[in-house]
Amino acid sequence: MTVTVKILPNDRQPRIDKLADAELHFHGAPLDGLKLIGFGIWRRRDGVGFNVTFPARQFTVHGDRRNFALLRATEHPSAQNEVREFVLQAYLAEASAKTEDARAS
């Protein structure tokens, strides 16, 4: 099975800190033809670097909003960091390609 990342630039929303949404597309059994949506790529508040958020469901407990992560590590907590880095590298590669295309035009 292979996984590719589809980047959806944030062209329509006024939030300038949210740079893009991302989806994981699965190729090969057993998840062939499925995608996992809900990743977000954000500019960090300090302006240095990026942050990748995972799909989550929001719920309320005693009036407080909380998030329940839908993608979590089973054995190795570093697995989330690997996925986060995988999504971020796809975003940076696409941003770099767009910059090169703009220079060539």
PDB file of N, CA and C in Angstrom:
ATOM      1  N   MET A   1       0.850  -1.178   0.000  1.00  0.00           N
ATOM      2  CA  MET A   1       0.000   0.000   0.000  1.00  0.00           C
ATOM      3  C   MET A   1       0.893   1.237   0.000  1.00  0.00           C
ATOM      4  N   THR A   2       0.489   2.227  -0.759  1.00  0.00           N
ATOM      5  CA  THR A   2       1.186   3.517  -0.757  1.00  0.00           C
ATOM      6  C   THR A   2       0.198   4.605  -0.363  1.00  0.00           C
ATOM      7  N   VAL A   3       0.754   5.702   0.096  1.00  0.00           N
ATOM      8  CA  VAL A   3      -0.051   6.846   0.521  1.00  0.00           C
ATOM      9  C   VAL A   3       0.511   8.093  -0.149  1.00  0.00           C
ATOM     10  N   THR A   4      -0.380   8.897  -0.720  1.00  0.00           N
ATOM     11  CA  THR A   4       0.027  10.190  -1.259  1.00  0.00           C
ATOM     12  C   THR A   4      -0.729  11.285  -0.527  1.00  0.00           C
ATOM     13  N   VAL A   5      -0.172  12.471  -0.558  1.00  0.00           N
ATOM     14  CA  VAL A   5      -0.788  13.617   0.106  1.00  0.00           C
ATOM     15  C   VAL A   5      -1.306  14.575  -0.954  1.00  0.00           C
ATOM     16  N   LYS A   6      -2.573  14.941  -0.842  1.00  0.00           N
ATOM     17  CA  LYS A   6      -3.148  15.950  -1.725  1.00  0.00           C
ATOM     18  C   LYS A   6      -3.265  17.243  -0.923  1.00  0.00           C
ATOM     19  N   ILE A   7      -2.667  18.309  -1.451  1.00  0.00           N
ATOM     20  CA  ILE A   7      -2.684  19.609  -0.789  1.00  0.00           C
ATOM     21  C   ILE A   7      -3.770  20.470  -1.418  1.00  0.00           C
ATOM     22  N   LEU A   8      -4.597  21.082  -0.587  1.00  0.00           N
ATOM     23  CA  LEU A   8      -5.670  21.967  -1.032  1.00  0.00           C
ATOM     24  C   LEU A   8      -5.385  23.354  -0.457  1.00  0.00           C
ATOM     25  N   PRO A   9      -4.765  24.238  -1.261  1.00  0.00           N
ATOM     26  CA  PRO A   9      -4.399  25.571  -0.743  1.00  0.00           C
ATOM     27  C   PRO A   9      -5.604  26.323  -0.201  1.00  0.00           C
ATOM     28  N   ASN A  10      -5.374  27.131   0.805  1.00  0.00           N
ATOM     29  CA  ASN A  10      -6.432  27.920   1.437  1.00  0.00           C
ATOM     30  C   ASN A  10      -6.591  29.239   0.683  1.00  0.00           C
ATOM     31  N   ASP A  11      -7.218  29.177  -0.483  1.00  0.00           N
ATOM     32  CA  ASP A  11      -7.418  30.364  -1.312  1.00  0.00           C
ATOM     33  C   ASP A  11      -8.734  31.079  -1.011  1.00  0.00           C
ATOM     34  N   ARG A  12      -9.674  30.373  -0.405  1.00  0.00           N
ATOM     35  CA  ARG A  12     -11.021  30.929  -0.249  1.00  0.00           C
ATOM     36  C   ARG A  12     -11.319  31.477   1.133  1.00  0.00           C
ATOM     37  N   GLN A  13     -10.594  31.045   2.137  1.00  0.00           N
ATOM     38  CA  GLN A  13     -10.918  31.458   3.493  1.00  0.00           C
ATOM     39  C   GLN A  13     -10.079  32.657   3.907  1.00  0.00           C
ATOM     40  N   PRO A  14     -10.638  33.566   4.674  1.00  0.00           N
ATOM     41  CA  PRO A  14      -9.915  34.772   5.061  1.00  0.00           C
ATOM     42  C   PRO A  14      -8.831  34.548   6.122  1.00  0.00           C
ATOM     43  N   ARG A  15      -8.733  33.359   6.683  1.00  0.00           N
ATOM     44  CA  ARG A  15      -7.739  33.114   7.739  1.00  0.00           C
ATOM     45  C   ARG A  15      -6.361  33.008   7.111  1.00  0.00           C
ATOM     46  N   ILE A  16      -5.531  33.989   7.346  1.00  0.00           N
ATOM     47  CA  ILE A  16      -4.220  34.014   6.705  1.00  0.00           C
ATOM     48  C   ILE A  16      -3.234  33.043   7.346  1.00  0.00           C
ATOM     49  N   ASP A  17      -3.483  32.622   8.584  1.00  0.00           N
ATOM     50  CA  ASP A  17      -2.575  31.679   9.240  1.00  0.00           C
ATOM     51  C   ASP A  17      -2.765  30.252   8.739  1.00  0.00           C
ATOM     52  N   LYS A  18      -3.977  29.936   8.234  1.00  0.00           N
ATOM     53  CA  LYS A  18      -4.212  28.599   7.687  1.00  0.00           C
ATOM     54  C   LYS A  18      -3.771  28.608   6.238  1.00  0.00           C
ATOM     55  N   LEU A  19      -2.742  27.838   5.941  1.00  0.00           N
ATOM     56  CA  LEU A  19      -2.154  27.846   4.616  1.00  0.00           C
ATOM     57  C   LEU A  19      -2.817  26.861   3.671  1.00  0.00           C
ATOM     58  N   ALA A  20      -3.226  25.698   4.188  1.00  0.00           N
ATOM     59  CA  ALA A  20      -3.802  24.676   3.322  1.00  0.00           C
ATOM     60  C   ALA A  20      -4.473  23.587   4.149  1.00  0.00           C
ATOM     61  N   ASP A  21      -5.319  22.823   3.463  1.00  0.00           N
ATOM     62  CA  ASP A  21      -5.845  21.574   3.997  1.00  0.00           C
ATOM     63  C   ASP A  21      -5.093  20.465   3.290  1.00  0.00           C
ATOM     64  N   ALA A  22      -5.093  19.279   3.881  1.00  0.00           N
ATOM     65  CA  ALA A  22      -4.420  18.148   3.251  1.00  0.00           C
ATOM     66  C   ALA A  22      -5.249  16.879   3.451  1.00  0.00           C
ATOM     67  N   GLU A  23      -5.117  15.980   2.489  1.00  0.00           N
ATOM     68  CA  GLU A  23      -5.784  14.683   2.538  1.00  0.00           C
ATOM     69  C   GLU A  23      -4.742  13.597   2.283  1.00  0.00           C
ATOM     70  N   LEU A  24      -4.901  12.457   2.933  1.00  0.00           N
ATOM     71  CA  LEU A  24      -4.078  11.291   2.640  1.00  0.00           C
ATOM     72  C   LEU A  24      -4.878  10.380   1.720  1.00  0.00           C
ATOM     73  N   HIS A  25      -4.328  10.065   0.543  1.00  0.00           N
ATOM     74  CA  HIS A  25      -4.981   9.172  -0.417  1.00  0.00           C
ATOM     75  C   HIS A  25      -4.258   7.831  -0.387  1.00  0.00           C
ATOM     76  N   PHE A  26      -5.031   6.751  -0.250  1.00  0.00           N
ATOM     77  CA  PHE A  26      -4.476   5.410  -0.130  1.00  0.00           C
ATOM     78  C   PHE A  26      -4.584   4.671  -1.463  1.00  0.00           C
ATOM     79  N   HIS A  27      -3.505   3.948  -1.814  1.00  0.00           N
ATOM     80  CA  HIS A  27      -3.439   3.187  -3.054  1.00  0.00           C
ATOM     81  C   HIS A  27      -2.975   1.781  -2.704  1.00  0.00           C
ATOM     82  N   GLY A  28      -3.784   0.795  -3.020  1.00  0.00           N
ATOM     83  CA  GLY A  28      -3.460  -0.600  -2.712  1.00  0.00           C
ATOM     84  C   GLY A  28      -4.280  -1.097  -1.539  1.00  0.00           C
ATOM     85  N   ALA A  29      -4.423  -2.423  -1.489  1.00  0.00           N
ATOM     86  CA  ALA A  29      -5.252  -3.051  -0.458  1.00  0.00           C
ATOM     87  C   ALA A  29      -4.650  -2.790   0.920  1.00  0.00           C
ATOM     88  N   PRO A  30      -5.419  -2.724   1.950  1.00  0.00           N
ATOM     89  CA  PRO A  30      -6.869  -2.861   2.020  1.00  0.00           C
ATOM     90  C   PRO A  30      -7.627  -1.532   1.936  1.00  0.00           C
ATOM     91  N   LEU A  31      -6.931  -0.412   1.838  1.00  0.00           N
ATOM     92  CA  LEU A  31      -7.597   0.910   1.851  1.00  0.00           C
ATOM     93  C   LEU A  31      -7.660   1.556   0.467  1.00  0.00           C
ATOM     94  N   ASP A  32      -7.452   0.783  -0.583  1.00  0.00           N
ATOM     95  CA  ASP A  32      -7.411   1.318  -1.941  1.00  0.00           C
ATOM     96  C   ASP A  32      -8.672   2.121  -2.250  1.00  0.00           C
ATOM     97  N   GLY A  33      -8.460   3.333  -2.753  1.00  0.00           N
ATOM     98  CA  GLY A  33      -9.578   4.180  -3.139  1.00  0.00           C
ATOM     99  C   GLY A  33     -10.155   5.018  -2.011  1.00  0.00           C
ATOM    100  N   LEU A  34      -9.592   4.942  -0.815  1.00  0.00           N
ATOM    101  CA  LEU A  34     -10.092   5.732   0.311  1.00  0.00           C
ATOM    102  C   LEU A  34      -9.149   6.895   0.580  1.00  0.00           C
ATOM    103  N   LYS A  35      -9.679   7.912   1.272  1.00  0.00           N
ATOM    104  CA  LYS A  35      -8.854   9.049   1.686  1.00  0.00           C
ATOM    105  C   LYS A  35      -9.212   9.444   3.104  1.00  0.00           C
ATOM    106  N   LEU A  36      -8.244  10.005   3.792  1.00  0.00           N
ATOM    107  CA  LEU A  36      -8.439  10.512   5.148  1.00  0.00           C
ATOM    108  C   LEU A  36      -8.307  12.022   5.074  1.00  0.00           C
ATOM    109  N   ILE A  37      -9.377  12.715   5.394  1.00  0.00           N
ATOM    110  CA  ILE A  37      -9.411  14.173   5.275  1.00  0.00           C
ATOM    111  C   ILE A  37      -9.291  14.814   6.650  1.00  0.00           C
ATOM    112  N   GLY A  38      -9.068  16.132   6.664  1.00  0.00           N
ATOM    113  CA  GLY A  38      -9.114  16.863   7.925  1.00  0.00           C
ATOM    114  C   GLY A  38      -7.777  17.356   8.443  1.00  0.00           C
ATOM    115  N   PHE A  39      -6.710  17.185   7.686  1.00  0.00           N
ATOM    116  CA  PHE A  39      -5.416  17.721   8.108  1.00  0.00           C
ATOM    117  C   PHE A  39      -5.366  19.204   7.762  1.00  0.00           C
ATOM    118  N   GLY A  40      -4.725  19.991   8.591  1.00  0.00           N
ATOM    119  CA  GLY A  40      -4.570  21.417   8.341  1.00  0.00           C
ATOM    120  C   GLY A  40      -3.107  21.818   8.449  1.00  0.00           C
ATOM    121  N   ILE A  41      -2.689  22.709   7.573  1.00  0.00           N
ATOM    122  CA  ILE A  41      -1.320  23.224   7.613  1.00  0.00           C
ATOM    123  C   ILE A  41      -1.415  24.699   7.965  1.00  0.00           C
ATOM    124  N   TRP A  42      -0.756  25.075   9.043  1.00  0.00           N
ATOM    125  CA  TRP A  42      -0.861  26.416   9.601  1.00  0.00           C
ATOM    126  C   TRP A  42       0.514  27.057   9.722  1.00  0.00           C
ATOM    127  N   ARG A  43       0.563  28.366   9.606  1.00  0.00           N
ATOM    128  CA  ARG A  43       1.770  29.125   9.937  1.00  0.00           C
ATOM    129  C   ARG A  43       1.799  29.244  11.455  1.00  0.00           C
ATOM    130  N   ARG A  44       2.947  28.980  12.052  1.00  0.00           N
ATOM    131  CA  ARG A  44       3.047  29.080  13.505  1.00  0.00           C
ATOM    132  C   ARG A  44       2.831  30.515  13.965  1.00  0.00           C
ATOM    133  N   ARG A  45       2.312  30.666  15.150  1.00  0.00           N
ATOM    134  CA  ARG A  45       2.002  32.003  15.684  1.00  0.00           C
ATOM    135  C   ARG A  45       3.225  32.886  15.803  1.00  0.00           C
ATOM    136  N   ASP A  46       4.387  32.276  16.096  1.00  0.00           N
ATOM    137  CA  ASP A  46       5.603  33.071  16.207  1.00  0.00           C
ATOM    138  C   ASP A  46       6.193  33.412  14.838  1.00  0.00           C
ATOM    139  N   GLY A  47       5.547  32.894  13.766  1.00  0.00           N
ATOM    140  CA  GLY A  47       5.978  33.205  12.409  1.00  0.00           C
ATOM    141  C   GLY A  47       7.146  32.378  11.916  1.00  0.00           C
ATOM    142  N   VAL A  48       7.647  31.467  12.752  1.00  0.00           N
ATOM    143  CA  VAL A  48       8.797  30.652  12.377  1.00  0.00           C
ATOM    144  C   VAL A  48       8.333  29.203  12.216  1.00  0.00           C
ATOM    145  N   GLY A  49       8.197  28.744  10.990  1.00  0.00           N
ATOM    146  CA  GLY A  49       7.831  27.356  10.749  1.00  0.00           C
ATOM    147  C   GLY A  49       6.345  27.140  10.560  1.00  0.00           C
ATOM    148  N   PHE A  50       5.976  25.865  10.558  1.00  0.00           N
ATOM    149  CA  PHE A  50       4.612  25.452  10.273  1.00  0.00           C
ATOM    150  C   PHE A  50       4.148  24.435  11.295  1.00  0.00           C
ATOM    151  N   ASN A  51       2.842  24.248  11.371  1.00  0.00           N
ATOM    152  CA  ASN A  51       2.237  23.249  12.230  1.00  0.00           C
ATOM    153  C   ASN A  51       1.220  22.468  11.405  1.00  0.00           C
ATOM    154  N   VAL A  52       1.145  21.178  11.634  1.00  0.00           N
ATOM    155  CA  VAL A  52       0.162  20.331  10.963  1.00  0.00           C
ATOM    156  C   VAL A  52      -0.796  19.800  12.022  1.00  0.00           C
ATOM    157  N   THR A  53      -2.083  20.066  11.830  1.00  0.00           N
ATOM    158  CA  THR A  53      -3.096  19.543  12.745  1.00  0.00           C
ATOM    159  C   THR A  53      -3.732  18.312  12.126  1.00  0.00           C
ATOM    160  N   PHE A  54      -4.187  17.405  12.980  1.00  0.00           N
ATOM    161  CA  PHE A  54      -4.763  16.135  12.555  1.00  0.00           C
ATOM    162  C   PHE A  54      -6.291  16.229  12.554  1.00  0.00           C
ATOM    163  N   PRO A  55      -6.941  15.311  11.839  1.00  0.00           N
ATOM    164  CA  PRO A  55      -8.404  15.271  11.874  1.00  0.00           C
ATOM    165  C   PRO A  55      -8.889  15.094  13.313  1.00  0.00           C
ATOM    166  N   ALA A  56      -9.920  15.823  13.671  1.00  0.00           N
ATOM    167  CA  ALA A  56     -10.455  15.753  15.033  1.00  0.00           C
ATOM    168  C   ALA A  56     -11.951  16.027  15.017  1.00  0.00           C
ATOM    169  N   ARG A  57     -12.587  15.583  16.060  1.00  0.00           N
ATOM    170  CA  ARG A  57     -14.013  15.850  16.236  1.00  0.00           C
ATOM    171  C   ARG A  57     -14.158  16.709  17.477  1.00  0.00           C
ATOM    172  N   GLN A  58     -14.944  17.771  17.350  1.00  0.00           N
ATOM    173  CA  GLN A  58     -15.137  18.683  18.471  1.00  0.00           C
ATOM    174  C   GLN A  58     -16.338  18.243  19.300  1.00  0.00           C
ATOM    175  N   PHE A  59     -16.222  18.390  20.619  1.00  0.00           N
ATOM    176  CA  PHE A  59     -17.337  18.099  21.510  1.00  0.00           C
ATOM    177  C   PHE A  59     -17.273  19.052  22.689  1.00  0.00           C
ATOM    178  N   THR A  60     -18.350  19.117  23.444  1.00  0.00           N
ATOM    179  CA  THR A  60     -18.432  20.044  24.565  1.00  0.00           C
ATOM    180  C   THR A  60     -18.606  19.266  25.869  1.00  0.00           C
ATOM    181  N   VAL A  61     -17.798  19.640  26.873  1.00  0.00           N
ATOM    182  CA  VAL A  61     -17.901  19.053  28.210  1.00  0.00           C
ATOM    183  C   VAL A  61     -17.998  20.206  29.196  1.00  0.00           C
ATOM    184  N   HIS A  62     -19.121  20.285  29.901  1.00  0.00           N
ATOM    185  CA  HIS A  62     -19.358  21.337  30.887  1.00  0.00           C
ATOM    186  C   HIS A  62     -19.114  22.734  30.287  1.00  0.00           C
ATOM    187  N   GLY A  63     -19.557  22.928  29.074  1.00  0.00           N
ATOM    188  CA  GLY A  63     -19.423  24.228  28.424  1.00  0.00           C
ATOM    189  C   GLY A  63     -18.075  24.494  27.785  1.00  0.00           C
ATOM    190  N   ASP A  64     -17.113  23.601  27.968  1.00  0.00           N
ATOM    191  CA  ASP A  64     -15.791  23.767  27.357  1.00  0.00           C
ATOM    192  C   ASP A  64     -15.706  22.956  26.068  1.00  0.00           C
ATOM    193  N   ARG A  65     -15.171  23.591  25.023  1.00  0.00           N
ATOM    194  CA  ARG A  65     -14.967  22.880  23.760  1.00  0.00           C
ATOM    195  C   ARG A  65     -13.681  22.075  23.836  1.00  0.00           C
ATOM    196  N   ARG A  66     -13.772  20.834  23.396  1.00  0.00           N
ATOM    197  CA  ARG A  66     -12.608  19.956  23.371  1.00  0.00           C
ATOM    198  C   ARG A  66     -12.545  19.248  22.031  1.00  0.00           C
ATOM    199  N   ASN A  67     -11.370  18.716  21.719  1.00  0.00           N
ATOM    200  CA  ASN A  67     -11.176  17.981  20.483  1.00  0.00           C
ATOM    201  C   ASN A  67     -10.776  16.546  20.783  1.00  0.00           C
ATOM    202  N   PHE A  68     -11.309  15.648  19.992  1.00  0.00           N
ATOM    203  CA  PHE A  68     -10.981  14.230  20.083  1.00  0.00           C
ATOM    204  C   PHE A  68     -10.251  13.870  18.799  1.00  0.00           C
ATOM    205  N   ALA A  69      -8.961  13.565  18.888  1.00  0.00           N
ATOM    206  CA  ALA A  69      -8.156  13.242  17.704  1.00  0.00           C
ATOM    207  C   ALA A  69      -8.633  11.936  17.082  1.00  0.00           C
ATOM    208  N   LEU A  70      -8.816  11.940  15.768  1.00  0.00           N
ATOM    209  CA  LEU A  70      -9.302  10.751  15.075  1.00  0.00           C
ATOM    210  C   LEU A  70      -8.171   9.842  14.588  1.00  0.00           C
ATOM    211  N   LEU A  71      -6.962  10.358  14.531  1.00  0.00           N
ATOM    212  CA  LEU A  71      -5.810   9.563  14.122  1.00  0.00           C
ATOM    213  C   LEU A  71      -4.799   9.615  15.265  1.00  0.00           C
ATOM    214  N   ARG A  72      -4.594   8.455  15.915  1.00  0.00           N
ATOM    215  CA  ARG A  72      -3.702   8.408  17.069  1.00  0.00           C
ATOM    216  C   ARG A  72      -2.756   7.228  16.961  1.00  0.00           C
ATOM    217  N   ALA A  73      -1.629   7.342  17.618  1.00  0.00           N
ATOM    218  CA  ALA A  73      -0.639   6.269  17.632  1.00  0.00           C
ATOM    219  C   ALA A  73      -1.142   5.098  18.469  1.00  0.00           C
ATOM    220  N   THR A  74      -0.819   3.885  18.038  1.00  0.00           N
ATOM    221  CA  THR A  74      -1.195   2.707  18.818  1.00  0.00           C
ATOM    222  C   THR A  74      -0.060   2.260  19.720  1.00  0.00           C
ATOM    223  N   GLU A  75       1.167   2.242  19.190  1.00  0.00           N
ATOM    224  CA  GLU A  75       2.304   1.774  19.976  1.00  0.00           C
ATOM    225  C   GLU A  75       3.428   2.796  20.060  1.00  0.00           C
ATOM    226  N   HIS A  76       3.714   3.456  18.962  1.00  0.00           N
ATOM    227  CA  HIS A  76       4.847   4.369  18.886  1.00  0.00           C
ATOM    228  C   HIS A  76       4.359   5.813  18.754  1.00  0.00           C
ATOM    229  N   PRO A  77       4.462   6.600  19.808  1.00  0.00           N
ATOM    230  CA  PRO A  77       4.011   7.994  19.736  1.00  0.00           C
ATOM    231  C   PRO A  77       4.686   8.782  18.625  1.00  0.00           C
ATOM    232  N   SER A  78       5.877   8.369  18.217  1.00  0.00           N
ATOM    233  CA  SER A  78       6.580   9.086  17.146  1.00  0.00           C
ATOM    234  C   SER A  78       5.892   8.913  15.795  1.00  0.00           C
ATOM    235  N   ALA A  79       4.976   7.964  15.683  1.00  0.00           N
ATOM    236  CA  ALA A  79       4.269   7.746  14.418  1.00  0.00           C
ATOM    237  C   ALA A  79       3.499   9.001  13.997  1.00  0.00           C
ATOM    238  N   GLN A  80       2.935   9.707  14.948  1.00  0.00           N
ATOM    239  CA  GLN A  80       2.226  10.949  14.619  1.00  0.00           C
ATOM    240  C   GLN A  80       3.189  11.982  14.057  1.00  0.00           C
ATOM    241  N   ASN A  81       4.371  12.065  14.615  1.00  0.00           N
ATOM    242  CA  ASN A  81       5.358  13.015  14.102  1.00  0.00           C
ATOM    243  C   ASN A  81       5.771  12.669  12.677  1.00  0.00           C
ATOM    244  N   GLU A  82       5.866  11.382  12.363  1.00  0.00           N
ATOM    245  CA  GLU A  82       6.220  10.955  11.013  1.00  0.00           C
ATOM    246  C   GLU A  82       5.137  11.357  10.015  1.00  0.00           C
ATOM    247  N   VAL A  83       3.871  11.186  10.398  1.00  0.00           N
ATOM    248  CA  VAL A  83       2.764  11.590   9.517  1.00  0.00           C
ATOM    249  C   VAL A  83       2.760  13.105   9.368  1.00  0.00           C
ATOM    250  N   ARG A  84       2.960  13.803  10.461  1.00  0.00           N
ATOM    251  CA  ARG A  84       3.006  15.268  10.432  1.00  0.00           C
ATOM    252  C   ARG A  84       4.106  15.746   9.476  1.00  0.00           C
ATOM    253  N   GLU A  85       5.273  15.140   9.552  1.00  0.00           N
ATOM    254  CA  GLU A  85       6.398  15.498   8.679  1.00  0.00           C
ATOM    255  C   GLU A  85       6.113  15.127   7.218  1.00  0.00           C
ATOM    256  N   PHE A  86       5.449  13.995   6.995  1.00  0.00           N
ATOM    257  CA  PHE A  86       5.073  13.544   5.649  1.00  0.00           C
ATOM    258  C   PHE A  86       4.155  14.570   4.985  1.00  0.00           C
ATOM    259  N   VAL A  87       3.156  15.038   5.714  1.00  0.00           N
ATOM    260  CA  VAL A  87       2.211  16.037   5.192  1.00  0.00           C
ATOM    261  C   VAL A  87       2.933  17.363   4.950  1.00  0.00           C
ATOM    262  N   LEU A  88       3.760  17.773   5.885  1.00  0.00           N
ATOM    263  CA  LEU A  88       4.476  19.048   5.753  1.00  0.00           C
ATOM    264  C   LEU A  88       5.437  19.023   4.564  1.00  0.00           C
ATOM    265  N   GLN A  89       6.136  17.918   4.342  1.00  0.00           N
ATOM    266  CA  GLN A  89       7.046  17.821   3.204  1.00  0.00           C
ATOM    267  C   GLN A  89       6.287  17.916   1.879  1.00  0.00           C
ATOM    268  N   ALA A  90       5.096  17.328   1.818  1.00  0.00           N
ATOM    269  CA  ALA A  90       4.275  17.425   0.607  1.00  0.00           C
ATOM    270  C   ALA A  90       3.857  18.875   0.374  1.00  0.00           C
ATOM    271  N   TYR A  91       3.498  19.569   1.438  1.00  0.00           N
ATOM    272  CA  TYR A  91       3.121  20.984   1.301  1.00  0.00           C
ATOM    273  C   TYR A  91       4.305  21.815   0.815  1.00  0.00           C
ATOM    274  N   LEU A  92       5.465  21.621   1.413  1.00  0.00           N
ATOM    275  CA  LEU A  92       6.643  22.396   1.035  1.00  0.00           C
ATOM    276  C   LEU A  92       7.065  22.098  -0.403  1.00  0.00           C
ATOM    277  N   ALA A  93       6.946  20.845  -0.829  1.00  0.00           N
ATOM    278  CA  ALA A  93       7.285  20.487  -2.208  1.00  0.00           C
ATOM    279  C   ALA A  93       6.339  21.180  -3.186  1.00  0.00           C
ATOM    280  N   GLU A  94       5.052  21.206  -2.869  1.00  0.00           N
ATOM    281  CA  GLU A  94       4.093  21.866  -3.759  1.00  0.00           C
ATOM    282  C   GLU A  94       4.318  23.374  -3.779  1.00  0.00           C
ATOM    283  N   ALA A  95       4.589  23.961  -2.632  1.00  0.00           N
ATOM    284  CA  ALA A  95       4.849  25.404  -2.571  1.00  0.00           C
ATOM    285  C   ALA A  95       6.101  25.748  -3.371  1.00  0.00           C
ATOM    286  N   SER A  96       7.112  24.908  -3.292  1.00  0.00           N
ATOM    287  CA  SER A  96       8.344  25.125  -4.045  1.00  0.00           C
ATOM    288  C   SER A  96       8.097  25.020  -5.550  1.00  0.00           C
ATOM    289  N   ALA A  97       7.287  24.030  -5.948  1.00  0.00           N
ATOM    290  CA  ALA A  97       6.971  23.872  -7.376  1.00  0.00           C
ATOM    291  C   ALA A  97       6.201  25.068  -7.905  1.00  0.00           C
ATOM    292  N   LYS A  98       5.275  25.599  -7.101  1.00  0.00           N
ATOM    293  CA  LYS A  98       4.517  26.783  -7.537  1.00  0.00           C
ATOM    294  C   LYS A  98       5.417  27.984  -7.676  1.00  0.00           C
ATOM    295  N   THR A  99       6.383  28.132  -6.773  1.00  0.00           N
ATOM    296  CA  THR A  99       7.332  29.247  -6.849  1.00  0.00           C
ATOM    297  C   THR A  99       8.180  29.142  -8.117  1.00  0.00           C
ATOM    298  N   GLU A 100       8.628  27.943  -8.441  1.00  0.00           N
ATOM    299  CA  GLU A 100       9.427  27.733  -9.650  1.00  0.00           C
ATOM    300  C   GLU A 100       8.601  28.009 -10.896  1.00  0.00           C
ATOM    301  N   ASP A 101       7.325  27.581 -10.907  1.00  0.00           N
ATOM    302  CA  ASP A 101       6.443  27.851 -12.048  1.00  0.00           C
ATOM    303  C   ASP A 101       6.233  29.348 -12.232  1.00  0.00           C
ATOM    304  N   ALA A 102       6.071  30.068 -11.118  1.00  0.00           N
ATOM    305  CA  ALA A 102       5.861  31.522 -11.196  1.00  0.00           C
ATOM    306  C   ALA A 102       7.111  32.212 -11.736  1.00  0.00           C
ATOM    307  N   ARG A 103       8.280  31.738 -11.381  1.00  0.00           N
ATOM    308  CA  ARG A 103       9.518  32.319 -11.889  1.00  0.00           C
ATOM    309  C   ARG A 103       9.700  32.050 -13.378  1.00  0.00           C
ATOM    310  N   ALA A 104       9.256  30.884 -13.822  1.00  0.00           N
ATOM    311  CA  ALA A 104       9.406  30.505 -15.233  1.00  0.00           C
ATOM    312  C   ALA A 104       8.454  31.286 -16.135  1.00  0.00           C
ATOM    313  N   SER A 105       7.370  31.783 -15.549  1.00  0.00           N
ATOM    314  CA  SER A 105       6.365  32.502 -16.362  1.00  0.00           C
ATOM    315  C   SER A 105       6.790  33.893 -16.709  1.00  0.00           C
TER     316      SER A 105
END
